[in-house]
PDB file of all heavy atoms in Angstrom:
ATOM      1  N   ALA A   1       1.375  43.529 -36.541  1.00  0.00           N
ATOM      2  CA  ALA A   1      -0.026  43.587 -36.125  1.00  0.00           C
ATOM      3  C   ALA A   1      -0.619  42.187 -35.986  1.00  0.00           C
ATOM      4  O   ALA A   1      -1.468  41.945 -35.119  1.00  0.00           O
ATOM      5  CB  ALA A   1      -0.840  44.408 -37.126  1.00  0.00           C
ATOM      6  N   ASP A   2      -0.187  41.251 -36.818  1.00  0.00           N
ATOM      7  CA  ASP A   2      -0.671  39.874 -36.713  1.00  0.00           C
ATOM      8  C   ASP A   2      -0.291  39.276 -35.363  1.00  0.00           C
ATOM      9  O   ASP A   2      -1.078  38.546 -34.748  1.00  0.00           O
ATOM     10  CB  ASP A   2      -0.072  39.013 -37.833  1.00  0.00           C
ATOM     11  CG  ASP A   2      -0.551  39.422 -39.201  1.00  0.00           C
ATOM     12  OD1 ASP A   2      -1.735  39.806 -39.323  1.00  0.00           O
ATOM     13  OD2 ASP A   2       0.247  39.359 -40.153  1.00  0.00           O
ATOM     14  N   ILE A   3       0.910  39.568 -34.905  1.00  0.00           N
ATOM     15  CA  ILE A   3       1.386  39.013 -33.642  1.00  0.00           C
ATOM     16  C   ILE A   3       0.522  39.503 -32.483  1.00  0.00           C
ATOM     17  O   ILE A   3       0.131  38.729 -31.600  1.00  0.00           O
ATOM     18  CB  ILE A   3       2.868  39.355 -33.432  1.00  0.00           C
ATOM     19  CG1 ILE A   3       3.714  38.662 -34.505  1.00  0.00           C
ATOM     20  CG2 ILE A   3       3.340  38.972 -32.037  1.00  0.00           C
ATOM     21  CD1 ILE A   3       5.153  39.110 -34.541  1.00  0.00           C
ATOM     22  N   ALA A   4       0.185  40.784 -32.476  1.00  0.00           N
ATOM     23  CA  ALA A   4      -0.645  41.332 -31.408  1.00  0.00           C
ATOM     24  C   ALA A   4      -2.036  40.706 -31.418  1.00  0.00           C
ATOM     25  O   ALA A   4      -2.579  40.355 -30.354  1.00  0.00           O
ATOM     26  CB  ALA A   4      -0.746  42.849 -31.560  1.00  0.00           C
ATOM     27  N   ALA A   5      -2.618  40.545 -32.594  1.00  0.00           N
ATOM     28  CA  ALA A   5      -3.959  39.964 -32.686  1.00  0.00           C
ATOM     29  C   ALA A   5      -3.946  38.506 -32.247  1.00  0.00           C
ATOM     30  O   ALA A   5      -4.854  38.042 -31.533  1.00  0.00           O
ATOM     31  CB  ALA A   5      -4.483  40.090 -34.114  1.00  0.00           C
ATOM     32  N   LEU A   6      -2.942  37.774 -32.646  1.00  0.00           N
ATOM     33  CA  LEU A   6      -2.854  36.362 -32.289  1.00  0.00           C
ATOM     34  C   LEU A   6      -2.609  36.182 -30.797  1.00  0.00           C
ATOM     35  O   LEU A   6      -3.108  35.234 -30.183  1.00  0.00           O
ATOM     36  CB  LEU A   6      -1.747  35.693 -33.101  1.00  0.00           C
ATOM     37  CG  LEU A   6      -2.093  35.455 -34.578  1.00  0.00           C
ATOM     38  CD1 LEU A   6      -0.836  35.181 -35.384  1.00  0.00           C
ATOM     39  CD2 LEU A   6      -3.077  34.300 -34.713  1.00  0.00           C
ATOM     40  N   SER A   7      -1.857  37.085 -30.206  1.00  0.00           N
ATOM     41  CA  SER A   7      -1.593  37.003 -28.772  1.00  0.00           C
ATOM     42  C   SER A   7      -2.887  37.068 -27.977  1.00  0.00           C
ATOM     43  O   SER A   7      -3.069  36.348 -26.978  1.00  0.00           O
ATOM     44  CB  SER A   7      -0.647  38.131 -28.348  1.00  0.00           C
ATOM     45  OG  SER A   7      -0.433  38.110 -26.957  1.00  0.00           O
ATOM     46  N   SER A   8      -3.811  37.903 -28.402  1.00  0.00           N
ATOM     47  CA  SER A   8      -5.104  37.994 -27.725  1.00  0.00           C
ATOM     48  C   SER A   8      -5.872  36.685 -27.847  1.00  0.00           C
ATOM     49  O   SER A   8      -6.466  36.203 -26.869  1.00  0.00           O
ATOM     50  CB  SER A   8      -5.917  39.147 -28.324  1.00  0.00           C
ATOM     51  OG  SER A   8      -7.203  39.212 -27.755  1.00  0.00           O
ATOM     52  N   LEU A   9      -5.860  36.097 -29.028  1.00  0.00           N
ATOM     53  CA  LEU A   9      -6.526  34.811 -29.237  1.00  0.00           C
ATOM     54  C   LEU A   9      -5.887  33.726 -28.385  1.00  0.00           C
ATOM     55  O   LEU A   9      -6.589  32.887 -27.783  1.00  0.00           O
ATOM     56  CB  LEU A   9      -6.458  34.434 -30.718  1.00  0.00           C
ATOM     57  CG  LEU A   9      -6.923  33.021 -31.078  1.00  0.00           C
ATOM     58  CD1 LEU A   9      -8.393  32.827 -30.735  1.00  0.00           C
ATOM     59  CD2 LEU A   9      -6.665  32.744 -32.564  1.00  0.00           C
ATOM     60  N   GLN A  10      -4.570  33.713 -28.317  1.00  0.00           N
ATOM     61  CA  GLN A  10      -3.867  32.685 -27.536  1.00  0.00           C
ATOM     62  C   GLN A  10      -4.251  32.748 -26.060  1.00  0.00           C
ATOM     63  O   GLN A  10      -4.404  31.711 -25.397  1.00  0.00           O
ATOM     64  CB  GLN A  10      -2.354  32.857 -27.719  1.00  0.00           C
ATOM     65  CG  GLN A  10      -1.875  32.496 -29.112  1.00  0.00           C
ATOM     66  CD  GLN A  10      -0.697  33.323 -29.578  1.00  0.00           C
ATOM     67  OE1 GLN A  10      -0.099  34.077 -28.808  1.00  0.00           O
ATOM     68  NE2 GLN A  10      -0.361  33.210 -30.852  1.00  0.00           N
ATOM     69  N   ARG A  11      -4.429  33.935 -25.531  1.00  0.00           N
ATOM     70  CA  ARG A  11      -4.829  34.066 -24.128  1.00  0.00           C
ATOM     71  C   ARG A  11      -6.218  33.473 -23.891  1.00  0.00           C
ATOM     72  O   ARG A  11      -6.458  32.801 -22.887  1.00  0.00           O
ATOM     73  CB  ARG A  11      -4.778  35.540 -23.702  1.00  0.00           C
ATOM     74  CG  ARG A  11      -3.363  36.050 -23.442  1.00  0.00           C
ATOM     75  CD  ARG A  11      -3.321  37.567 -23.325  1.00  0.00           C
ATOM     76  NE  ARG A  11      -2.091  38.026 -22.714  1.00  0.00           N
ATOM     77  CZ  ARG A  11      -0.918  38.093 -23.321  1.00  0.00           C
ATOM     78  NH1 ARG A  11      -0.826  37.718 -24.588  1.00  0.00           N
ATOM     79  NH2 ARG A  11       0.155  38.530 -22.680  1.00  0.00           N
ATOM     80  N   ARG A  12      -7.125  33.720 -24.824  1.00  0.00           N
ATOM     81  CA  ARG A  12      -8.477  33.160 -24.688  1.00  0.00           C
ATOM     82  C   ARG A  12      -8.450  31.629 -24.773  1.00  0.00           C
ATOM     83  O   ARG A  12      -9.127  30.937 -24.012  1.00  0.00           O
ATOM     84  CB  ARG A  12      -9.404  33.721 -25.763  1.00  0.00           C
ATOM     85  CG  ARG A  12      -9.628  35.217 -25.670  1.00  0.00           C
ATOM     86  CD  ARG A  12     -10.885  35.638 -26.416  1.00  0.00           C
ATOM     87  NE  ARG A  12     -10.909  35.181 -27.798  1.00  0.00           N
ATOM     88  CZ  ARG A  12     -10.373  35.838 -28.813  1.00  0.00           C
ATOM     89  NH1 ARG A  12      -9.714  36.981 -28.586  1.00  0.00           N
ATOM     90  NH2 ARG A  12     -10.467  35.374 -30.035  1.00  0.00           N
ATOM     91  N   LEU A  13      -7.665  31.117 -25.695  1.00  0.00           N
ATOM     92  CA  LEU A  13      -7.566  29.666 -25.846  1.00  0.00           C
ATOM     93  C   LEU A  13      -6.942  29.022 -24.614  1.00  0.00           C
ATOM     94  O   LEU A  13      -7.372  27.939 -24.181  1.00  0.00           O
ATOM     95  CB  LEU A  13      -6.746  29.332 -27.095  1.00  0.00           C
ATOM     96  CG  LEU A  13      -7.436  29.575 -28.442  1.00  0.00           C
ATOM     97  CD1 LEU A  13      -6.416  29.516 -29.575  1.00  0.00           C
ATOM     98  CD2 LEU A  13      -8.537  28.544 -28.669  1.00  0.00           C
ATOM     99  N   LEU A  14      -5.939  29.679 -24.048  1.00  0.00           N
ATOM    100  CA  LEU A  14      -5.282  29.101 -22.878  1.00  0.00           C
ATOM    101  C   LEU A  14      -6.231  29.078 -21.681  1.00  0.00           C
ATOM    102  O   LEU A  14      -6.234  28.118 -20.896  1.00  0.00           O
ATOM    103  CB  LEU A  14      -4.009  29.887 -22.555  1.00  0.00           C
ATOM    104  CG  LEU A  14      -3.139  29.337 -21.422  1.00  0.00           C
ATOM    105  CD1 LEU A  14      -2.812  27.863 -21.634  1.00  0.00           C
ATOM    106  CD2 LEU A  14      -1.860  30.150 -21.279  1.00  0.00           C
ATOM    107  N   GLU A  15      -7.041  30.113 -21.529  1.00  0.00           N
ATOM    108  CA  GLU A  15      -8.032  30.107 -20.457  1.00  0.00           C
ATOM    109  C   GLU A  15      -8.998  28.926 -20.608  1.00  0.00           C
ATOM    110  O   GLU A  15      -9.361  28.262 -19.631  1.00  0.00           O
ATOM    111  CB  GLU A  15      -8.808  31.421 -20.454  1.00  0.00           C
ATOM    112  CG  GLU A  15      -8.007  32.621 -19.957  1.00  0.00           C
ATOM    113  CD  GLU A  15      -8.830  33.896 -19.975  1.00  0.00           C
ATOM    114  OE1 GLU A  15     -10.020  33.815 -20.359  1.00  0.00           O
ATOM    115  OE2 GLU A  15      -8.285  34.950 -19.609  1.00  0.00           O
ATOM    116  N   ARG A  16      -9.429  28.656 -21.834  1.00  0.00           N
ATOM    117  CA  ARG A  16     -10.336  27.529 -22.072  1.00  0.00           C
ATOM    118  C   ARG A  16      -9.629  26.212 -21.792  1.00  0.00           C
ATOM    119  O   ARG A  16     -10.216  25.274 -21.234  1.00  0.00           O
ATOM    120  CB  ARG A  16     -10.829  27.555 -23.544  1.00  0.00           C
ATOM    121  CG  ARG A  16     -11.789  26.432 -23.873  1.00  0.00           C
ATOM    122  CD  ARG A  16     -13.234  26.868 -23.690  1.00  0.00           C
ATOM    123  NE  ARG A  16     -13.636  27.141 -22.335  1.00  0.00           N
ATOM    124  CZ  ARG A  16     -14.297  26.272 -21.558  1.00  0.00           C
ATOM    125  NH1 ARG A  16     -14.583  25.061 -21.991  1.00  0.00           N
ATOM    126  NH2 ARG A  16     -14.674  26.615 -20.349  1.00  0.00           N
ATOM    127  N   ALA A  17      -8.344  26.128 -22.169  1.00  0.00           N
ATOM    128  CA  ALA A  17      -7.582  24.903 -21.921  1.00  0.00           C
ATOM    129  C   ALA A  17      -7.454  24.626 -20.431  1.00  0.00           C
ATOM    130  O   ALA A  17      -7.525  23.471 -19.993  1.00  0.00           O
ATOM    131  CB  ALA A  17      -6.204  25.016 -22.567  1.00  0.00           C
ATOM    132  N   VAL A  18      -7.270  25.686 -19.652  1.00  0.00           N
ATOM    133  CA  VAL A  18      -7.208  25.523 -18.194  1.00  0.00           C
ATOM    134  C   VAL A  18      -8.527  24.959 -17.677  1.00  0.00           C
ATOM    135  O   VAL A  18      -8.557  24.037 -16.843  1.00  0.00           O
ATOM    136  CB  VAL A  18      -6.874  26.862 -17.508  1.00  0.00           C
ATOM    137  CG1 VAL A  18      -7.055  26.753 -15.997  1.00  0.00           C
ATOM    138  CG2 VAL A  18      -5.453  27.289 -17.845  1.00  0.00           C
ATOM    139  N   ALA A  19      -9.637  25.490 -18.183  1.00  0.00           N
ATOM    140  CA  ALA A  19     -10.948  25.015 -17.747  1.00  0.00           C
ATOM    141  C   ALA A  19     -11.181  23.559 -18.126  1.00  0.00           C
ATOM    142  O   ALA A  19     -11.935  22.848 -17.446  1.00  0.00           O
ATOM    143  CB  ALA A  19     -12.040  25.890 -18.351  1.00  0.00           C
ATOM    144  N   LEU A  20     -10.534  23.106 -19.196  1.00  0.00           N
ATOM    145  CA  LEU A  20     -10.706  21.730 -19.654  1.00  0.00           C
ATOM    146  C   LEU A  20      -9.759  20.753 -18.967  1.00  0.00           C
ATOM    147  O   LEU A  20      -9.801  19.553 -19.250  1.00  0.00           O
ATOM    148  CB  LEU A  20     -10.501  21.660 -21.173  1.00  0.00           C
ATOM    149  CG  LEU A  20     -11.584  22.319 -22.028  1.00  0.00           C
ATOM    150  CD1 LEU A  20     -11.127  22.443 -23.475  1.00  0.00           C
ATOM    151  CD2 LEU A  20     -12.883  21.510 -21.951  1.00  0.00           C
ATOM    152  N   THR A  21      -8.885  21.250 -18.103  1.00  0.00           N
ATOM    153  CA  THR A  21      -7.922  20.398 -17.395  1.00  0.00           C
ATOM    154  C   THR A  21      -8.432  20.122 -15.980  1.00  0.00           C
ATOM    155  O   THR A  21      -8.775  21.047 -15.243  1.00  0.00           O
ATOM    156  CB  THR A  21      -6.554  21.095 -17.320  1.00  0.00           C
ATOM    157  OG1 THR A  21      -6.139  21.475 -18.639  1.00  0.00           O
ATOM    158  CG2 THR A  21      -5.511  20.169 -16.716  1.00  0.00           C
ATOM    159  N   ARG A  22      -8.480  18.861 -15.605  1.00  0.00           N
ATOM    160  CA  ARG A  22      -8.956  18.518 -14.261  1.00  0.00           C
ATOM    161  C   ARG A  22      -7.925  18.942 -13.222  1.00  0.00           C
ATOM    162  O   ARG A  22      -6.724  19.047 -13.526  1.00  0.00           O
ATOM    163  CB  ARG A  22      -9.222  17.008 -14.147  1.00  0.00           C
ATOM    164  CG  ARG A  22      -7.967  16.143 -14.208  1.00  0.00           C
ATOM    165  CD  ARG A  22      -8.235  14.741 -13.726  1.00  0.00           C
ATOM    166  NE  ARG A  22      -7.053  13.902 -13.856  1.00  0.00           N
ATOM    167  CZ  ARG A  22      -6.041  13.886 -12.989  1.00  0.00           C
ATOM    168  NH1 ARG A  22      -6.037  14.706 -11.941  1.00  0.00           N
ATOM    169  NH2 ARG A  22      -5.018  13.077 -13.182  1.00  0.00           N
ATOM    170  N   PRO A  23      -8.336  19.161 -11.968  1.00  0.00           N
ATOM    171  CA  PRO A  23      -7.359  19.433 -10.902  1.00  0.00           C
ATOM    172  C   PRO A  23      -6.342  18.293 -10.809  1.00  0.00           C
ATOM    173  O   PRO A  23      -6.717  17.120 -10.791  1.00  0.00           O
ATOM    174  CB  PRO A  23      -8.230  19.514  -9.647  1.00  0.00           C
ATOM    175  CG  PRO A  23      -9.573  19.933 -10.160  1.00  0.00           C
ATOM    176  CD  PRO A  23      -9.725  19.255 -11.489  1.00  0.00           C
ATOM    177  N   GLY A  24      -5.091  18.648 -10.790  1.00  0.00           N
ATOM    178  CA  GLY A  24      -4.032  17.651 -10.795  1.00  0.00           C
ATOM    179  C   GLY A  24      -3.629  17.196 -12.185  1.00  0.00           C
ATOM    180  O   GLY A  24      -2.640  16.471 -12.345  1.00  0.00           O
ATOM    181  N   GLY A  25      -4.389  17.596 -13.187  1.00  0.00           N
ATOM    182  CA  GLY A  25      -4.051  17.233 -14.561  1.00  0.00           C
ATOM    183  C   GLY A  25      -2.926  18.097 -15.111  1.00  0.00           C
ATOM    184  O   GLY A  25      -2.459  19.034 -14.461  1.00  0.00           O
ATOM    185  N   ILE A  26      -2.489  17.773 -16.315  1.00  0.00           N
ATOM    186  CA  ILE A  26      -1.360  18.467 -16.928  1.00  0.00           C
ATOM    187  C   ILE A  26      -1.822  19.155 -18.212  1.00  0.00           C
ATOM    188  O   ILE A  26      -2.562  18.583 -19.012  1.00  0.00           O
ATOM    189  CB  ILE A  26      -0.207  17.495 -17.241  1.00  0.00           C
ATOM    190  CG1 ILE A  26       0.347  16.912 -15.948  1.00  0.00           C
ATOM    191  CG2 ILE A  26       0.905  18.205 -18.011  1.00  0.00           C
ATOM    192  CD1 ILE A  26       1.461  15.904 -16.156  1.00  0.00           C
ATOM    193  N   LEU A  27      -1.376  20.378 -18.367  1.00  0.00           N
ATOM    194  CA  LEU A  27      -1.661  21.182 -19.555  1.00  0.00           C
ATOM    195  C   LEU A  27      -0.341  21.622 -20.169  1.00  0.00           C
ATOM    196  O   LEU A  27       0.523  22.155 -19.478  1.00  0.00           O
ATOM    197  CB  LEU A  27      -2.499  22.404 -19.166  1.00  0.00           C
ATOM    198  CG  LEU A  27      -2.573  23.576 -20.156  1.00  0.00           C
ATOM    199  CD1 LEU A  27      -3.219  23.144 -21.466  1.00  0.00           C
ATOM    200  CD2 LEU A  27      -3.332  24.750 -19.547  1.00  0.00           C
ATOM    201  N   VAL A  28      -0.182  21.374 -21.460  1.00  0.00           N
ATOM    202  CA  VAL A  28       0.980  21.868 -22.195  1.00  0.00           C
ATOM    203  C   VAL A  28       0.494  22.892 -23.214  1.00  0.00           C
ATOM    204  O   VAL A  28      -0.350  22.577 -24.065  1.00  0.00           O
ATOM    205  CB  VAL A  28       1.750  20.733 -22.893  1.00  0.00           C
ATOM    206  CG1 VAL A  28       2.805  21.307 -23.853  1.00  0.00           C
ATOM    207  CG2 VAL A  28       2.414  19.828 -21.863  1.00  0.00           C
ATOM    208  N   TYR A  29       1.022  24.114 -23.095  1.00  0.00           N
ATOM    209  CA  TYR A  29       0.726  25.186 -24.046  1.00  0.00           C
ATOM    210  C   TYR A  29       1.943  25.361 -24.941  1.00  0.00           C
ATOM    211  O   TYR A  29       3.084  25.447 -24.456  1.00  0.00           O
ATOM    212  CB  TYR A  29       0.444  26.493 -23.303  1.00  0.00           C
ATOM    213  CG  TYR A  29       0.420  27.709 -24.214  1.00  0.00           C
ATOM    214  CD1 TYR A  29      -0.725  28.025 -24.934  1.00  0.00           C
ATOM    215  CD2 TYR A  29       1.541  28.523 -24.362  1.00  0.00           C
ATOM    216  CE1 TYR A  29      -0.755  29.130 -25.772  1.00  0.00           C
ATOM    217  CE2 TYR A  29       1.518  29.629 -25.191  1.00  0.00           C
ATOM    218  CZ  TYR A  29       0.363  29.925 -25.905  1.00  0.00           C
ATOM    219  OH  TYR A  29       0.338  31.010 -26.745  1.00  0.00           O
ATOM    220  N   CYS A  30       1.729  25.414 -26.255  1.00  0.00           N
ATOM    221  CA  CYS A  30       2.876  25.592 -27.150  1.00  0.00           C
ATOM    222  C   CYS A  30       2.472  26.389 -28.383  1.00  0.00           C
ATOM    223  O   CYS A  30       1.299  26.457 -28.757  1.00  0.00           O
ATOM    224  CB  CYS A  30       3.479  24.242 -27.551  1.00  0.00           C
ATOM    225  SG  CYS A  30       2.411  23.199 -28.575  1.00  0.00           S
ATOM    226  N   THR A  31       3.468  27.018 -28.986  1.00  0.00           N
ATOM    227  CA  THR A  31       3.314  27.686 -30.276  1.00  0.00           C
ATOM    228  C   THR A  31       4.604  27.494 -31.072  1.00  0.00           C
ATOM    229  O   THR A  31       5.686  27.337 -30.502  1.00  0.00           O
ATOM    230  CB  THR A  31       3.056  29.206 -30.149  1.00  0.00           C
ATOM    231  OG1 THR A  31       4.195  29.832 -29.557  1.00  0.00           O
ATOM    232  CG2 THR A  31       1.823  29.497 -29.318  1.00  0.00           C
ATOM    233  N   CYS A  32       4.470  27.553 -32.392  1.00  0.00           N
ATOM    234  CA  CYS A  32       5.656  27.478 -33.261  1.00  0.00           C
ATOM    235  C   CYS A  32       6.087  28.894 -33.645  1.00  0.00           C
ATOM    236  O   CYS A  32       6.350  29.179 -34.810  1.00  0.00           O
ATOM    237  CB  CYS A  32       5.393  26.619 -34.487  1.00  0.00           C
ATOM    238  SG  CYS A  32       3.977  27.143 -35.481  1.00  0.00           S
ATOM    239  N   SER A  33       6.164  29.761 -32.650  1.00  0.00           N
ATOM    240  CA  SER A  33       6.533  31.160 -32.855  1.00  0.00           C
ATOM    241  C   SER A  33       7.823  31.465 -32.101  1.00  0.00           C
ATOM    242  O   SER A  33       8.080  30.909 -31.040  1.00  0.00           O
ATOM    243  CB  SER A  33       5.416  32.080 -32.356  1.00  0.00           C
ATOM    244  OG  SER A  33       5.844  33.423 -32.321  1.00  0.00           O
ATOM    245  N   LEU A  34       8.598  32.382 -32.647  1.00  0.00           N
ATOM    246  CA  LEU A  34       9.799  32.874 -31.973  1.00  0.00           C
ATOM    247  C   LEU A  34       9.513  34.108 -31.128  1.00  0.00           C
ATOM    248  O   LEU A  34      10.411  34.599 -30.437  1.00  0.00           O
ATOM    249  CB  LEU A  34      10.875  33.217 -33.009  1.00  0.00           C
ATOM    250  CG  LEU A  34      11.400  32.052 -33.850  1.00  0.00           C
ATOM    251  CD1 LEU A  34      12.342  32.582 -34.938  1.00  0.00           C
ATOM    252  CD2 LEU A  34      12.119  31.034 -32.985  1.00  0.00           C
ATOM    253  N   GLU A  35       8.266  34.587 -31.151  1.00  0.00           N
ATOM    254  CA  GLU A  35       7.956  35.873 -30.541  1.00  0.00           C
ATOM    255  C   GLU A  35       7.516  35.696 -29.086  1.00  0.00           C
ATOM    256  O   GLU A  35       6.620  34.888 -28.796  1.00  0.00           O
ATOM    257  CB  GLU A  35       6.854  36.568 -31.330  1.00  0.00           C
ATOM    258  CG  GLU A  35       7.037  36.512 -32.848  1.00  0.00           C
ATOM    259  CD  GLU A  35       8.442  36.824 -33.309  1.00  0.00           C
ATOM    260  OE1 GLU A  35       9.022  37.812 -32.827  1.00  0.00           O
ATOM    261  OE2 GLU A  35       8.964  36.066 -34.143  1.00  0.00           O
ATOM    262  N   PRO A  36       8.110  36.429 -28.142  1.00  0.00           N
ATOM    263  CA  PRO A  36       7.748  36.267 -26.726  1.00  0.00           C
ATOM    264  C   PRO A  36       6.290  36.576 -26.446  1.00  0.00           C
ATOM    265  O   PRO A  36       5.692  36.000 -25.537  1.00  0.00           O
ATOM    266  CB  PRO A  36       8.683  37.250 -26.003  1.00  0.00           C
ATOM    267  CG  PRO A  36       9.161  38.209 -27.054  1.00  0.00           C
ATOM    268  CD  PRO A  36       9.188  37.423 -28.324  1.00  0.00           C
ATOM    269  N   GLU A  37       5.659  37.478 -27.214  1.00  0.00           N
ATOM    270  CA  GLU A  37       4.250  37.813 -27.001  1.00  0.00           C
ATOM    271  C   GLU A  37       3.335  36.613 -27.221  1.00  0.00           C
ATOM    272  O   GLU A  37       2.203  36.599 -26.749  1.00  0.00           O
ATOM    273  CB  GLU A  37       3.809  38.942 -27.947  1.00  0.00           C
ATOM    274  CG  GLU A  37       4.516  40.258 -27.715  1.00  0.00           C
ATOM    275  CD  GLU A  37       5.705  40.430 -28.638  1.00  0.00           C
ATOM    276  OE1 GLU A  37       6.399  39.416 -28.935  1.00  0.00           O
ATOM    277  OE2 GLU A  37       5.938  41.569 -29.072  1.00  0.00           O
ATOM    278  N   GLU A  38       3.815  35.620 -27.965  1.00  0.00           N
ATOM    279  CA  GLU A  38       2.994  34.447 -28.260  1.00  0.00           C
ATOM    280  C   GLU A  38       3.400  33.239 -27.413  1.00  0.00           C
ATOM    281  O   GLU A  38       2.809  32.160 -27.578  1.00  0.00           O
ATOM    282  CB  GLU A  38       3.105  34.097 -29.743  1.00  0.00           C
ATOM    283  CG  GLU A  38       2.647  35.214 -30.664  1.00  0.00           C
ATOM    284  CD  GLU A  38       2.686  34.818 -32.121  1.00  0.00           C
ATOM    285  OE1 GLU A  38       3.754  34.959 -32.757  1.00  0.00           O
ATOM    286  OE2 GLU A  38       1.656  34.326 -32.615  1.00  0.00           O
ATOM    287  N   GLY A  39       4.389  33.414 -26.568  1.00  0.00           N
ATOM    288  CA  GLY A  39       4.873  32.301 -25.770  1.00  0.00           C
ATOM    289  C   GLY A  39       4.982  32.630 -24.306  1.00  0.00           C
ATOM    290  O   GLY A  39       4.013  32.567 -23.551  1.00  0.00           O
ATOM    291  N   VAL A  40       6.165  33.062 -23.905  1.00  0.00           N
ATOM    292  CA  VAL A  40       6.431  33.282 -22.485  1.00  0.00           C
ATOM    293  C   VAL A  40       5.520  34.344 -21.895  1.00  0.00           C
ATOM    294  O   VAL A  40       5.085  34.229 -20.735  1.00  0.00           O
ATOM    295  CB  VAL A  40       7.923  33.622 -22.277  1.00  0.00           C
ATOM    296  CG1 VAL A  40       8.303  34.916 -22.995  1.00  0.00           C
ATOM    297  CG2 VAL A  40       8.265  33.699 -20.813  1.00  0.00           C
ATOM    298  N   ASP A  41       5.182  35.371 -22.664  1.00  0.00           N
ATOM    299  CA  ASP A  41       4.309  36.428 -22.131  1.00  0.00           C
ATOM    300  C   ASP A  41       2.892  35.918 -21.882  1.00  0.00           C
ATOM    301  O   ASP A  41       2.237  36.326 -20.905  1.00  0.00           O
ATOM    302  CB  ASP A  41       4.262  37.614 -23.095  1.00  0.00           C
ATOM    303  CG  ASP A  41       5.580  38.379 -23.164  1.00  0.00           C
ATOM    304  OD1 ASP A  41       6.503  38.025 -22.410  1.00  0.00           O
ATOM    305  OD2 ASP A  41       5.669  39.317 -23.983  1.00  0.00           O
ATOM    306  N   VAL A  42       2.400  35.046 -22.742  1.00  0.00           N
ATOM    307  CA  VAL A  42       1.059  34.484 -22.570  1.00  0.00           C
ATOM    308  C   VAL A  42       0.993  33.660 -21.286  1.00  0.00           C
ATOM    309  O   VAL A  42       0.052  33.767 -20.493  1.00  0.00           O
ATOM    310  CB  VAL A  42       0.675  33.625 -23.791  1.00  0.00           C
ATOM    311  CG1 VAL A  42      -0.654  32.903 -23.550  1.00  0.00           C
ATOM    312  CG2 VAL A  42       0.588  34.484 -25.048  1.00  0.00           C
ATOM    313  N   VAL A  43       2.018  32.846 -21.068  1.00  0.00           N
ATOM    314  CA  VAL A  43       2.047  31.999 -19.874  1.00  0.00           C
ATOM    315  C   VAL A  43       2.236  32.845 -18.615  1.00  0.00           C
ATOM    316  O   VAL A  43       1.587  32.619 -17.585  1.00  0.00           O
ATOM    317  CB  VAL A  43       3.149  30.933 -20.005  1.00  0.00           C
ATOM    318  CG1 VAL A  43       3.350  30.178 -18.692  1.00  0.00           C
ATOM    319  CG2 VAL A  43       2.796  29.960 -21.130  1.00  0.00           C
ATOM    320  N   ALA A  44       3.115  33.831 -18.670  1.00  0.00           N
ATOM    321  CA  ALA A  44       3.327  34.696 -17.505  1.00  0.00           C
ATOM    322  C   ALA A  44       2.048  35.423 -17.120  1.00  0.00           C
ATOM    323  O   ALA A  44       1.728  35.561 -15.933  1.00  0.00           O
ATOM    324  CB  ALA A  44       4.443  35.695 -17.807  1.00  0.00           C
TER     325      ALA A  44
END
């Protein structure tokens, strides 16, 4: 259940990070998780 709740938070944070990146700028999203719901699924 923690993983599902955190995944929702990660999506919100990533949206804000995109807004804080200028056009042409670089954004790196990372987590110290082994779970796809917190990594590749968020980016996809």
